[in-house]
N, C-alpha and C. Protein backbone atom coordinates (compact mmCIF):
# COMPACT_ATOMS: atom_id res chain seq x y z
N MET A 1 18.35 -26.55 -11.05
CA MET A 1 17.87 -25.91 -12.30
C MET A 1 16.48 -24.43 -11.36
N ASN A 2 16.68 -24.00 -12.47
CA ASN A 2 16.21 -22.52 -12.59
C ASN A 2 14.28 -22.86 -12.41
N PRO A 3 13.50 -22.93 -10.93
CA PRO A 3 12.28 -22.65 -11.46
C PRO A 3 11.35 -21.67 -12.13
N ALA A 4 12.29 -20.60 -12.22
CA ALA A 4 11.06 -19.89 -13.14
C ALA A 4 11.46 -19.45 -14.53
N SER A 5 12.69 -20.28 -14.97
CA SER A 5 12.64 -20.24 -17.03
C SER A 5 13.20 -22.00 -16.88
N GLY A 6 12.99 -22.91 -16.35
CA GLY A 6 12.79 -23.67 -16.74
C GLY A 6 14.63 -24.29 -17.00
N ARG A 7 15.69 -23.77 -16.56
CA ARG A 7 16.73 -23.70 -17.63
C ARG A 7 17.70 -23.94 -16.29
N ALA A 8 18.85 -24.63 -16.12
CA ALA A 8 19.77 -24.94 -15.26
C ALA A 8 20.06 -23.80 -14.66
N SER A 9 20.51 -23.69 -13.49
CA SER A 9 21.43 -22.60 -13.21
C SER A 9 23.12 -22.77 -13.14
N PRO A 10 23.76 -21.58 -13.93
CA PRO A 10 25.24 -21.68 -14.10
C PRO A 10 25.66 -22.57 -12.58
N PRO A 11 26.72 -23.43 -13.30
CA PRO A 11 27.31 -23.90 -11.38
C PRO A 11 28.06 -22.96 -10.82
N HIS A 12 28.30 -21.61 -11.01
CA HIS A 12 29.12 -20.83 -10.17
C HIS A 12 28.45 -20.04 -9.56
N ALA A 13 26.98 -19.74 -10.01
CA ALA A 13 26.18 -19.21 -9.42
C ALA A 13 25.32 -20.17 -8.72
N ALA A 14 24.57 -19.50 -7.16
CA ALA A 14 23.62 -20.55 -6.36
C ALA A 14 22.97 -19.48 -5.67
N PRO A 15 22.48 -19.19 -6.73
CA PRO A 15 21.40 -17.29 -5.79
C PRO A 15 19.71 -18.45 -5.65
N PRO A 16 18.98 -17.21 -4.55
CA PRO A 16 18.15 -17.75 -4.08
C PRO A 16 17.26 -17.76 -5.29
N GLY A 17 16.35 -19.16 -5.14
CA GLY A 17 14.85 -18.88 -6.02
C GLY A 17 13.82 -18.48 -5.69
N PRO A 18 13.55 -18.37 -6.81
CA PRO A 18 11.70 -16.87 -6.78
C PRO A 18 10.98 -17.85 -6.15
N PRO A 19 10.09 -16.54 -5.58
CA PRO A 19 8.85 -16.80 -4.80
C PRO A 19 7.90 -17.43 -5.31
N SER A 20 7.30 -18.41 -4.99
CA SER A 20 6.25 -19.01 -5.01
C SER A 20 5.66 -18.86 -6.89
N ALA A 21 5.04 -19.97 -7.46
CA ALA A 21 4.59 -19.23 -9.25
C ALA A 21 3.37 -18.56 -9.02
N LEU A 22 2.67 -18.68 -7.98
CA LEU A 22 1.69 -18.32 -7.66
C LEU A 22 1.74 -16.74 -6.99
N ARG A 23 2.61 -16.50 -5.91
CA ARG A 23 2.49 -15.19 -6.15
C ARG A 23 3.21 -14.53 -7.02
N ARG A 24 4.49 -14.92 -7.92
CA ARG A 24 5.13 -14.65 -9.04
C ARG A 24 4.21 -14.32 -9.94
N ARG A 25 3.18 -15.09 -9.83
CA ARG A 25 2.48 -14.30 -11.52
C ARG A 25 1.14 -13.11 -11.26
N LYS A 26 0.73 -13.27 -9.45
CA LYS A 26 -0.01 -11.67 -9.48
C LYS A 26 -0.35 -11.94 -8.23
N LEU A 27 0.17 -10.78 -7.87
CA LEU A 27 -0.96 -10.51 -6.00
C LEU A 27 -1.94 -9.99 -6.62
N GLY A 28 -3.11 -10.00 -6.21
CA GLY A 28 -3.91 -9.36 -6.34
C GLY A 28 -4.84 -8.29 -5.23
N LEU A 29 -6.35 -8.71 -5.06
CA LEU A 29 -6.61 -8.08 -4.39
C LEU A 29 -6.47 -8.40 -2.83
N ALA A 30 -6.64 -9.53 -2.97
CA ALA A 30 -6.60 -10.71 -1.58
C ALA A 30 -4.88 -9.71 -1.07
N ALA A 31 -3.74 -9.40 -1.43
CA ALA A 31 -2.81 -8.93 -1.25
C ALA A 31 -2.73 -7.56 -0.81
N ALA A 32 -3.51 -6.69 -1.15
CA ALA A 32 -4.15 -5.08 -1.09
C ALA A 32 -4.72 -5.50 0.22
N LEU A 33 -5.46 -6.53 0.41
CA LEU A 33 -6.18 -6.32 1.40
C LEU A 33 -5.62 -6.59 2.91
N ALA A 34 -4.34 -7.44 2.64
CA ALA A 34 -3.57 -7.97 3.98
C ALA A 34 -2.63 -6.93 4.36
N VAL A 35 -2.45 -5.28 3.52
CA VAL A 35 -1.93 -4.12 4.22
C VAL A 35 -3.24 -3.14 5.00
N CYS A 36 -4.29 -3.31 4.54
CA CYS A 36 -5.09 -2.59 4.95
C CYS A 36 -5.43 -2.67 6.85
N PRO A 37 -5.58 -1.26 8.03
CA PRO A 37 -5.92 -2.23 9.33
C PRO A 37 -7.08 -2.59 9.25
N ALA A 38 -6.94 -3.74 10.21
CA ALA A 38 -7.91 -4.83 10.22
C ALA A 38 -9.40 -4.07 10.90
N ALA A 39 -9.14 -3.22 11.51
CA ALA A 39 -10.33 -2.03 11.76
C ALA A 39 -11.16 -1.88 10.66
N THR A 40 -10.26 -1.31 9.34
CA THR A 40 -11.01 -1.10 8.66
C THR A 40 -11.94 -1.44 7.94
N LEU A 41 -11.35 -3.68 8.11
CA LEU A 41 -11.98 -4.09 7.00
C LEU A 41 -13.41 -5.11 7.85
N ALA A 42 -12.94 -4.32 9.51
CA ALA A 42 -13.80 -4.93 9.90
C ALA A 42 -15.39 -4.10 9.77
N ARG A 43 -15.00 -2.71 9.69
CA ARG A 43 -16.00 -2.30 9.04
C ARG A 43 -17.34 -2.36 7.88
N GLY A 44 -15.75 -3.12 7.09
CA GLY A 44 -16.53 -3.75 5.99
C GLY A 44 -16.54 -2.61 5.35
N ALA A 45 -15.79 -1.57 4.82
CA ALA A 45 -15.28 -0.52 4.29
C ALA A 45 -14.25 -1.11 3.19
N VAL A 46 -14.64 -1.78 2.17
CA VAL A 46 -14.40 -2.71 1.66
C VAL A 46 -13.31 -1.05 0.03
N ALA A 47 -14.64 -0.32 0.47
CA ALA A 47 -14.15 1.23 -0.81
C ALA A 47 -12.85 1.89 -0.19
N ALA A 48 -12.13 1.35 1.06
CA ALA A 48 -11.53 2.33 1.48
C ALA A 48 -9.90 1.64 1.35
N VAL A 49 -10.19 0.34 0.40
CA VAL A 49 -9.12 -0.46 0.07
C VAL A 49 -8.19 0.28 -1.04
N PRO A 50 -7.34 0.56 -0.70
CA PRO A 50 -6.33 1.42 -1.66
C PRO A 50 -6.27 0.56 -3.23
N GLU A 51 -6.43 1.65 -4.15
CA GLU A 51 -5.88 0.67 -5.32
C GLU A 51 -4.65 -0.68 -5.79
N ALA A 52 -4.72 -1.20 -5.96
CA ALA A 52 -3.08 -1.99 -6.51
C ALA A 52 -2.52 -1.51 -7.56
N ARG A 53 -1.30 -1.14 -6.93
CA ARG A 53 -0.21 -0.81 -8.23
C ARG A 53 0.03 -2.07 -9.07
N THR A 54 -0.07 -2.31 -10.53
CA THR A 54 0.46 -3.25 -10.75
C THR A 54 1.42 -2.96 -12.19
N LEU A 55 2.13 -4.04 -12.17
CA LEU A 55 2.96 -4.23 -13.44
C LEU A 55 3.32 -5.12 -14.01
N ALA A 56 3.72 -5.10 -15.61
CA ALA A 56 4.14 -6.21 -16.03
C ALA A 56 5.36 -6.30 -16.81
N PHE A 57 6.10 -7.71 -16.63
CA PHE A 57 7.05 -7.18 -17.54
C PHE A 57 7.54 -8.47 -18.63
N ARG A 58 7.78 -8.96 -19.80
CA ARG A 58 8.59 -9.53 -20.51
C ARG A 58 10.49 -9.45 -20.23
N HIS A 59 10.92 -10.35 -20.36
CA HIS A 59 12.78 -10.00 -19.86
C HIS A 59 12.98 -10.68 -21.10
N THR A 60 13.96 -9.81 -22.35
CA THR A 60 14.57 -10.52 -23.41
C THR A 60 15.02 -11.01 -23.25
N HIS A 61 15.75 -11.49 -22.60
CA HIS A 61 17.15 -12.44 -22.79
C HIS A 61 16.76 -13.69 -22.14
N THR A 62 15.56 -13.76 -20.84
CA THR A 62 15.49 -15.30 -19.97
C THR A 62 13.68 -15.82 -20.78
N GLY A 63 13.59 -14.66 -21.61
CA GLY A 63 11.87 -14.90 -21.85
C GLY A 63 11.08 -14.75 -20.68
N GLU A 64 11.56 -14.87 -19.78
CA GLU A 64 10.55 -14.83 -18.37
C GLU A 64 9.46 -13.78 -18.37
N GLU A 65 8.38 -14.16 -18.04
CA GLU A 65 7.23 -12.64 -18.00
C GLU A 65 7.00 -12.68 -16.68
N LEU A 66 6.78 -11.40 -16.05
CA LEU A 66 5.70 -10.96 -14.78
C LEU A 66 4.99 -10.30 -14.53
N SER A 67 3.62 -10.93 -13.99
CA SER A 67 2.75 -9.56 -13.76
C SER A 67 2.45 -9.49 -12.51
N VAL A 68 2.51 -8.21 -11.44
CA VAL A 68 2.35 -8.39 -10.45
C VAL A 68 2.11 -7.17 -9.87
N ALA A 69 1.25 -8.01 -8.70
CA ALA A 69 0.53 -5.88 -8.45
C ALA A 69 1.81 -6.00 -6.85
N TYR A 70 2.40 -4.88 -6.95
CA TYR A 70 3.73 -5.13 -6.03
C TYR A 70 3.61 -3.65 -4.44
N ALA A 71 1.83 -2.86 -4.99
CA ALA A 71 1.93 -1.88 -3.95
C ALA A 71 0.22 -1.97 -3.88
N ALA A 72 0.00 -0.83 -2.17
CA ALA A 72 -1.14 -0.82 -2.46
C ALA A 72 -0.98 0.45 -1.28
N GLY A 73 -1.86 1.16 -1.65
CA GLY A 73 -1.70 2.94 -1.51
C GLY A 73 -0.08 2.88 -1.22
N SER A 74 0.33 3.64 0.22
CA SER A 74 1.76 3.77 0.26
C SER A 74 2.60 2.71 0.65
N ALA A 75 1.75 1.31 0.73
CA ALA A 75 2.34 0.24 1.31
C ALA A 75 2.93 -0.82 -0.11
N TYR A 76 4.21 -0.65 0.20
CA TYR A 76 4.88 -2.10 -0.82
C TYR A 76 4.46 -3.62 0.03
N LEU A 77 4.65 -4.33 -0.86
CA LEU A 77 3.86 -5.53 -1.19
C LEU A 77 5.05 -6.64 -0.53
N ALA A 78 5.71 -7.15 0.29
CA ALA A 78 7.21 -7.68 0.52
C ALA A 78 7.16 -8.90 -0.39
N ASP A 79 6.10 -9.87 -0.23
CA ASP A 79 6.20 -10.64 -1.79
C ASP A 79 6.45 -10.63 -3.28
N ALA A 80 5.57 -9.25 -3.36
CA ALA A 80 5.75 -8.97 -4.75
C ALA A 80 7.15 -8.26 -4.95
N LEU A 81 7.38 -7.57 -3.67
CA LEU A 81 9.08 -7.10 -4.18
C LEU A 81 9.75 -7.98 -4.55
N ALA A 82 9.78 -9.21 -3.57
CA ALA A 82 10.47 -10.07 -3.37
C ALA A 82 10.02 -11.14 -5.10
N SER A 83 9.34 -11.18 -5.98
CA SER A 83 9.35 -11.39 -6.93
C SER A 83 10.32 -10.93 -7.67
N VAL A 84 10.22 -9.25 -7.93
CA VAL A 84 10.69 -8.22 -8.98
C VAL A 84 12.06 -8.55 -8.75
N ASN A 85 12.62 -8.45 -7.78
CA ASN A 85 13.82 -8.66 -6.96
C ASN A 85 14.48 -10.00 -7.83
N TRP A 86 13.76 -11.00 -7.89
CA TRP A 86 14.21 -12.26 -8.27
C TRP A 86 13.91 -12.12 -10.08
N PHE A 87 13.26 -11.29 -10.85
CA PHE A 87 13.07 -11.27 -11.83
C PHE A 87 13.94 -10.18 -12.56
N LEU A 88 13.95 -9.43 -11.83
CA LEU A 88 15.47 -8.44 -12.59
C LEU A 88 16.76 -8.14 -11.78
N ARG A 89 17.14 -9.69 -11.59
CA ARG A 89 17.92 -10.23 -10.79
C ARG A 89 19.05 -10.16 -12.14
N ASP A 90 19.98 -10.19 -12.32
CA ASP A 90 21.73 -10.34 -13.36
C ASP A 90 21.20 -11.60 -13.70
N PHE A 91 21.12 -11.55 -15.01
CA PHE A 91 20.49 -13.03 -15.76
C PHE A 91 21.82 -13.08 -16.00
N ARG A 92 23.10 -12.91 -16.36
CA ARG A 92 24.12 -13.49 -16.85
C ARG A 92 24.67 -14.26 -15.52
N ASN A 93 24.56 -14.29 -13.94
CA ASN A 93 25.45 -14.95 -13.33
C ASN A 93 24.28 -15.20 -11.82
N GLY A 94 23.02 -14.78 -12.05
CA GLY A 94 22.29 -15.00 -10.81
C GLY A 94 22.08 -14.17 -9.80
N ALA A 95 23.03 -12.81 -9.73
CA ALA A 95 22.64 -12.10 -8.82
C ALA A 95 21.63 -11.37 -8.42
N VAL A 96 21.10 -11.26 -6.70
CA VAL A 96 19.75 -10.37 -6.50
C VAL A 96 20.18 -9.57 -5.70
N HIS A 97 19.33 -8.48 -6.39
CA HIS A 97 19.71 -7.43 -5.43
C HIS A 97 18.08 -6.81 -5.21
N PRO A 98 17.89 -6.00 -4.30
CA PRO A 98 16.48 -4.99 -3.85
C PRO A 98 16.68 -3.91 -5.29
N ILE A 99 15.18 -4.00 -5.59
CA ILE A 99 14.84 -2.82 -7.10
C ILE A 99 14.03 -1.68 -5.79
N ASP A 100 14.70 -0.77 -5.88
CA ASP A 100 14.29 0.45 -5.28
C ASP A 100 12.69 0.53 -5.79
N PRO A 101 11.90 0.40 -4.92
CA PRO A 101 10.43 0.62 -5.57
C PRO A 101 10.03 1.60 -5.89
N GLN A 102 10.94 2.62 -5.73
CA GLN A 102 10.73 3.83 -6.77
C GLN A 102 10.39 3.85 -7.85
N LEU A 103 11.46 3.13 -8.60
CA LEU A 103 11.80 3.07 -9.81
C LEU A 103 10.60 2.41 -10.35
N LEU A 104 9.67 0.99 -9.77
CA LEU A 104 8.50 1.05 -10.12
C LEU A 104 7.64 1.20 -10.33
N ASP A 105 7.47 2.35 -9.26
CA ASP A 105 6.62 3.84 -9.05
C ASP A 105 6.53 4.31 -10.33
N GLN A 106 7.90 4.48 -11.33
CA GLN A 106 7.96 5.83 -11.98
C GLN A 106 7.47 4.95 -13.40
N LEU A 107 7.77 3.16 -13.33
CA LEU A 107 6.98 2.61 -14.43
C LEU A 107 5.61 2.33 -14.41
N HIS A 108 5.33 2.65 -13.33
CA HIS A 108 3.94 2.59 -13.28
C HIS A 108 3.12 3.96 -13.78
N ARG A 109 3.94 4.95 -13.91
CA ARG A 109 3.21 6.09 -13.90
C ARG A 109 3.46 6.12 -15.62
N LEU A 110 4.79 5.93 -15.87
CA LEU A 110 4.84 5.53 -17.52
C LEU A 110 3.94 4.79 -18.26
N ALA A 111 3.72 3.26 -17.80
CA ALA A 111 2.27 3.05 -18.11
C ALA A 111 1.49 3.37 -18.21
N ALA A 112 0.66 4.27 -17.51
CA ALA A 112 -0.73 5.46 -17.03
C ALA A 112 -0.19 6.44 -18.65
N ILE A 113 1.20 7.08 -18.42
CA ILE A 113 1.25 8.16 -19.39
C ILE A 113 1.32 7.65 -21.23
N THR A 114 1.95 6.38 -20.98
CA THR A 114 1.48 5.84 -22.49
C THR A 114 0.74 5.75 -23.16
N GLY A 115 -0.55 4.96 -22.39
CA GLY A 115 -1.63 4.04 -22.50
C GLY A 115 -0.91 2.95 -22.68
N THR A 116 0.04 2.56 -22.17
CA THR A 116 0.80 1.09 -23.16
C THR A 116 -0.50 0.02 -22.32
N LYS A 117 -0.93 -1.13 -23.59
CA LYS A 117 -1.47 -2.70 -23.31
C LYS A 117 -0.68 -3.57 -23.12
N ALA A 118 0.77 -3.39 -23.41
CA ALA A 118 1.86 -4.34 -23.30
C ALA A 118 2.95 -4.04 -22.28
N ARG A 119 3.13 -5.28 -22.34
CA ARG A 119 4.18 -5.93 -20.85
C ARG A 119 5.25 -4.65 -21.28
N PHE A 120 6.46 -4.04 -20.44
CA PHE A 120 7.97 -3.86 -20.41
C PHE A 120 8.30 -4.84 -20.76
N GLU A 121 9.14 -4.40 -21.86
CA GLU A 121 10.06 -5.68 -22.32
C GLU A 121 11.37 -4.72 -21.58
N VAL A 122 11.82 -5.66 -20.56
CA VAL A 122 13.39 -5.43 -19.59
C VAL A 122 14.59 -6.20 -20.61
N ILE A 123 15.18 -4.88 -21.05
CA ILE A 123 17.29 -5.48 -21.58
C ILE A 123 17.80 -5.53 -20.54
N SER A 124 17.33 -4.92 -19.06
CA SER A 124 18.57 -4.92 -17.89
C SER A 124 17.81 -4.28 -16.91
N GLY A 125 18.31 -5.09 -15.36
CA GLY A 125 17.69 -4.47 -13.94
C GLY A 125 19.03 -4.56 -13.60
N PHE A 126 19.01 -5.22 -12.47
CA PHE A 126 19.96 -5.23 -11.58
C PHE A 126 21.56 -5.99 -12.68
N ARG A 127 22.36 -5.04 -12.34
CA ARG A 127 23.73 -5.57 -12.41
C ARG A 127 24.61 -5.40 -11.68
N SER A 128 24.93 -7.15 -11.19
CA SER A 128 26.10 -7.21 -10.48
C SER A 128 27.96 -6.02 -10.68
N PRO A 129 28.51 -6.23 -9.72
CA PRO A 129 29.14 -5.48 -10.39
C PRO A 129 31.11 -6.58 -11.22
N VAL A 130 30.66 -7.66 -10.93
CA VAL A 130 31.24 -8.40 -11.99
C VAL A 130 31.01 -8.35 -13.76
N THR A 131 29.62 -8.52 -13.87
CA THR A 131 28.99 -7.48 -14.91
C THR A 131 29.21 -6.38 -15.31
N ASN A 132 28.67 -5.51 -14.41
CA ASN A 132 29.56 -4.46 -14.70
C ASN A 132 30.81 -3.95 -15.64
N GLN A 133 31.68 -4.50 -14.67
CA GLN A 133 32.72 -4.32 -15.45
C GLN A 133 33.00 -5.23 -16.75
N ALA A 134 32.62 -6.46 -16.34
CA ALA A 134 32.93 -6.73 -17.98
C ALA A 134 32.44 -6.13 -19.18
N LEU A 135 31.02 -6.22 -19.36
CA LEU A 135 30.98 -5.21 -20.08
C LEU A 135 31.44 -3.74 -20.29
N ARG A 136 31.65 -3.17 -19.36
CA ARG A 136 33.19 -1.97 -19.32
C ARG A 136 34.27 -2.06 -20.53
N ALA A 137 34.24 -3.59 -19.90
CA ALA A 137 36.05 -3.89 -20.58
C ALA A 137 36.03 -4.43 -21.92
N ARG A 138 33.93 -4.55 -22.84
CA ARG A 138 34.17 -4.95 -23.80
C ARG A 138 33.89 -3.57 -24.65
N GLY A 139 33.77 -2.65 -23.83
CA GLY A 139 33.86 -1.28 -24.50
C GLY A 139 32.46 -1.40 -25.06
N GLY A 140 32.24 0.28 -26.28
CA GLY A 140 31.14 0.45 -26.75
C GLY A 140 30.23 1.43 -26.28
N GLY A 141 30.61 2.30 -24.70
CA GLY A 141 29.99 2.54 -24.01
C GLY A 141 28.66 2.24 -23.50
N GLY A 142 28.51 3.50 -23.06
CA GLY A 142 26.69 3.11 -22.31
C GLY A 142 26.83 2.25 -20.82
N VAL A 143 27.81 2.20 -20.02
CA VAL A 143 28.29 1.19 -19.11
C VAL A 143 28.90 2.20 -18.51
N ALA A 144 28.38 3.13 -17.33
CA ALA A 144 28.95 4.08 -16.28
C ALA A 144 29.84 2.98 -15.28
N GLU A 145 30.34 3.36 -15.01
CA GLU A 145 31.68 2.71 -13.80
C GLU A 145 30.67 2.51 -12.62
N ARG A 146 29.91 3.79 -11.99
CA ARG A 146 29.05 3.82 -11.44
C ARG A 146 27.37 3.87 -11.10
N SER A 147 27.06 2.83 -12.45
CA SER A 147 26.07 2.41 -12.94
C SER A 147 24.92 2.68 -11.37
N LEU A 148 23.42 2.83 -11.94
CA LEU A 148 22.66 2.91 -10.85
C LEU A 148 22.15 1.12 -11.07
N HIS A 149 22.87 1.23 -11.61
CA HIS A 149 22.42 -0.58 -12.06
C HIS A 149 23.06 -1.24 -11.36
N LEU A 150 23.45 -0.65 -10.53
CA LEU A 150 24.50 -2.25 -9.43
C LEU A 150 23.64 -1.60 -8.17
N GLN A 151 22.84 -0.83 -8.18
CA GLN A 151 21.84 -0.62 -6.77
C GLN A 151 20.66 -0.64 -6.52
N GLY A 152 20.16 -1.21 -7.69
CA GLY A 152 18.82 -1.55 -8.42
C GLY A 152 18.45 -0.39 -8.50
N ARG A 153 18.49 0.57 -8.84
CA ARG A 153 18.05 1.86 -9.12
C ARG A 153 17.94 2.47 -10.55
N ALA A 154 18.06 1.35 -11.33
CA ALA A 154 18.00 1.22 -12.93
C ALA A 154 17.64 0.37 -13.32
N ILE A 155 17.23 0.52 -14.75
CA ILE A 155 16.41 -0.73 -16.10
C ILE A 155 16.25 0.29 -17.04
N ASP A 156 16.49 -0.77 -18.22
CA ASP A 156 16.58 -0.82 -19.43
C ASP A 156 15.62 -1.15 -19.94
N ILE A 157 14.47 -0.44 -20.68
CA ILE A 157 13.38 -1.03 -21.04
C ILE A 157 12.69 -0.46 -22.63
N ARG A 158 11.90 -0.85 -22.79
CA ARG A 158 11.05 -0.55 -23.82
C ARG A 158 9.85 -1.18 -23.77
N LEU A 159 9.12 -0.69 -24.71
CA LEU A 159 7.34 -1.26 -25.07
C LEU A 159 6.95 -0.95 -26.10
N PRO A 160 6.34 -2.99 -26.87
CA PRO A 160 6.39 -2.86 -28.22
C PRO A 160 5.14 -2.10 -28.96
N ASP A 161 4.28 -1.15 -28.02
CA ASP A 161 3.48 -0.14 -28.33
C ASP A 161 2.92 1.19 -28.69
N VAL A 162 4.08 1.14 -28.26
CA VAL A 162 5.25 2.69 -28.28
C VAL A 162 6.14 3.12 -28.40
N PRO A 163 6.50 4.31 -29.10
CA PRO A 163 7.00 4.40 -30.21
C PRO A 163 8.61 4.86 -29.22
N LEU A 164 10.00 4.71 -29.03
CA LEU A 164 10.96 4.74 -28.31
C LEU A 164 10.89 6.12 -28.39
N ALA A 165 10.73 6.50 -28.92
CA ALA A 165 11.04 8.64 -28.88
C ALA A 165 9.72 8.87 -27.83
N ASP A 166 8.42 8.88 -27.94
CA ASP A 166 7.73 8.88 -26.77
C ASP A 166 7.99 8.42 -25.39
N LEU A 167 8.11 7.00 -25.28
CA LEU A 167 8.83 6.78 -24.16
C LEU A 167 9.58 7.12 -23.39
N ARG A 168 10.42 8.14 -24.47
CA ARG A 168 12.31 8.56 -24.09
C ARG A 168 11.13 9.91 -23.33
N ASP A 169 10.31 10.47 -23.84
CA ASP A 169 9.33 11.54 -23.33
C ASP A 169 8.65 11.81 -22.01
N ALA A 170 8.26 10.42 -22.74
CA ALA A 170 7.23 10.48 -21.02
C ALA A 170 7.98 10.09 -19.68
N ALA A 171 9.25 9.69 -20.00
CA ALA A 171 10.34 9.52 -19.00
C ALA A 171 10.66 10.57 -18.20
N LEU A 172 10.70 11.53 -19.52
CA LEU A 172 11.86 12.91 -19.35
C LEU A 172 10.61 13.69 -18.62
N SER A 173 9.39 13.69 -19.26
CA SER A 173 8.41 14.19 -18.68
C SER A 173 7.85 14.01 -16.93
N LEU A 174 8.64 13.19 -16.48
CA LEU A 174 8.19 12.83 -14.89
C LEU A 174 9.48 13.25 -14.23
N ARG A 175 10.43 13.75 -14.59
CA ARG A 175 11.38 14.38 -13.84
C ARG A 175 11.72 13.99 -12.73
N ALA A 176 11.59 12.42 -12.11
CA ALA A 176 12.09 11.67 -11.43
C ALA A 176 13.67 10.75 -11.12
N GLY A 177 14.27 11.28 -12.45
CA GLY A 177 15.44 10.89 -12.59
C GLY A 177 16.15 10.91 -14.04
N GLY A 178 16.67 9.96 -13.59
CA GLY A 178 17.92 10.49 -15.42
C GLY A 178 16.82 9.34 -16.36
N VAL A 179 17.01 9.82 -17.32
CA VAL A 179 16.39 9.23 -18.61
C VAL A 179 18.01 9.07 -19.69
N GLY A 180 17.62 7.54 -20.41
CA GLY A 180 18.67 7.80 -21.57
C GLY A 180 18.73 7.38 -22.68
N TYR A 181 18.65 7.66 -23.79
CA TYR A 181 17.76 7.37 -25.17
C TYR A 181 18.70 6.69 -26.18
N TYR A 182 18.62 5.35 -26.50
CA TYR A 182 19.42 4.11 -26.53
C TYR A 182 18.74 4.38 -28.02
N GLN A 183 18.54 5.07 -29.45
CA GLN A 183 17.86 4.69 -30.55
C GLN A 183 18.57 3.13 -31.25
N ALA A 184 19.94 3.19 -31.19
CA ALA A 184 20.35 2.39 -31.54
C ALA A 184 19.88 0.80 -31.20
N SER A 185 20.38 0.53 -29.82
CA SER A 185 20.20 -0.50 -29.12
C SER A 185 18.24 -0.82 -28.58
N GLN A 186 17.40 0.34 -29.32
CA GLN A 186 16.30 -0.13 -29.07
C GLN A 186 15.82 0.26 -27.77
N PHE A 187 16.29 0.73 -27.06
CA PHE A 187 15.64 1.16 -25.19
C PHE A 187 16.03 2.56 -24.56
N VAL A 188 14.88 2.50 -23.48
CA VAL A 188 15.34 3.79 -22.89
C VAL A 188 15.95 3.39 -21.29
N HIS A 189 16.40 3.78 -21.09
CA HIS A 189 17.19 3.53 -19.68
C HIS A 189 16.55 5.31 -18.66
N VAL A 190 15.79 4.10 -17.10
CA VAL A 190 14.96 5.30 -16.28
C VAL A 190 15.98 4.94 -14.62
N ASP A 191 15.98 5.44 -14.33
CA ASP A 191 16.59 5.25 -12.87
C ASP A 191 16.17 6.45 -12.00
N THR A 192 16.48 6.64 -10.60
CA THR A 192 15.97 7.06 -9.76
C THR A 192 16.62 7.93 -8.86
N GLY A 193 18.43 8.02 -10.14
CA GLY A 193 19.28 9.32 -9.75
C GLY A 193 18.71 10.90 -10.15
N PRO A 194 19.72 11.65 -9.93
CA PRO A 194 18.94 12.92 -10.35
C PRO A 194 18.71 12.81 -11.50
N VAL A 195 17.87 14.46 -11.53
CA VAL A 195 17.16 14.88 -12.70
C VAL A 195 17.81 14.84 -14.12
N ARG A 196 18.45 13.92 -15.14
CA ARG A 196 19.53 14.27 -16.06
C ARG A 196 19.08 12.97 -17.26
N ARG A 197 19.76 14.01 -18.20
CA ARG A 197 19.37 12.77 -20.06
C ARG A 197 20.36 12.88 -20.46
N TRP A 198 20.71 12.13 -21.30
CA TRP A 198 21.55 11.60 -22.35
C TRP A 198 21.17 10.71 -23.57
């Protein structure tokens, strides 16, 4: 049984379980404090605690949701990253892979630029080699042989309260990686590869 979705895991896949429900839902100020030097906290310099960077997701295929503070200042929070890795697993076979934290920073910046109040709707996060090959064999285009989804460096998203073209333009303005615009399928691809567009 997959604790994150309440659904049974397929018999051929035995992915590790997700982090605890408490960690999955939100890591707040306590997690941010945990990454600060003890001397800073001993002086009571609460103002010196770096602001946590947060993200909220809904997976369009699994129905799962995740709200998480994944970083504070220059420090990424290990438990939060583990939650993100699980959430963005290959939903077809349960394979889990580390997600590039810079990709999360791109999403955080996109949320700020667009002013969204909604969760990122995730169409695809990590994609295992088996899944990638199956999608390529099915045809229809849009699935690269060396896709950055295979490395946890790409995500396909949309925002319900932001027009798709505006989300694309915001992603392009970051000049932080690749941006693909899939109007017919209603998603924007962003990745941490070379700056390019399609």
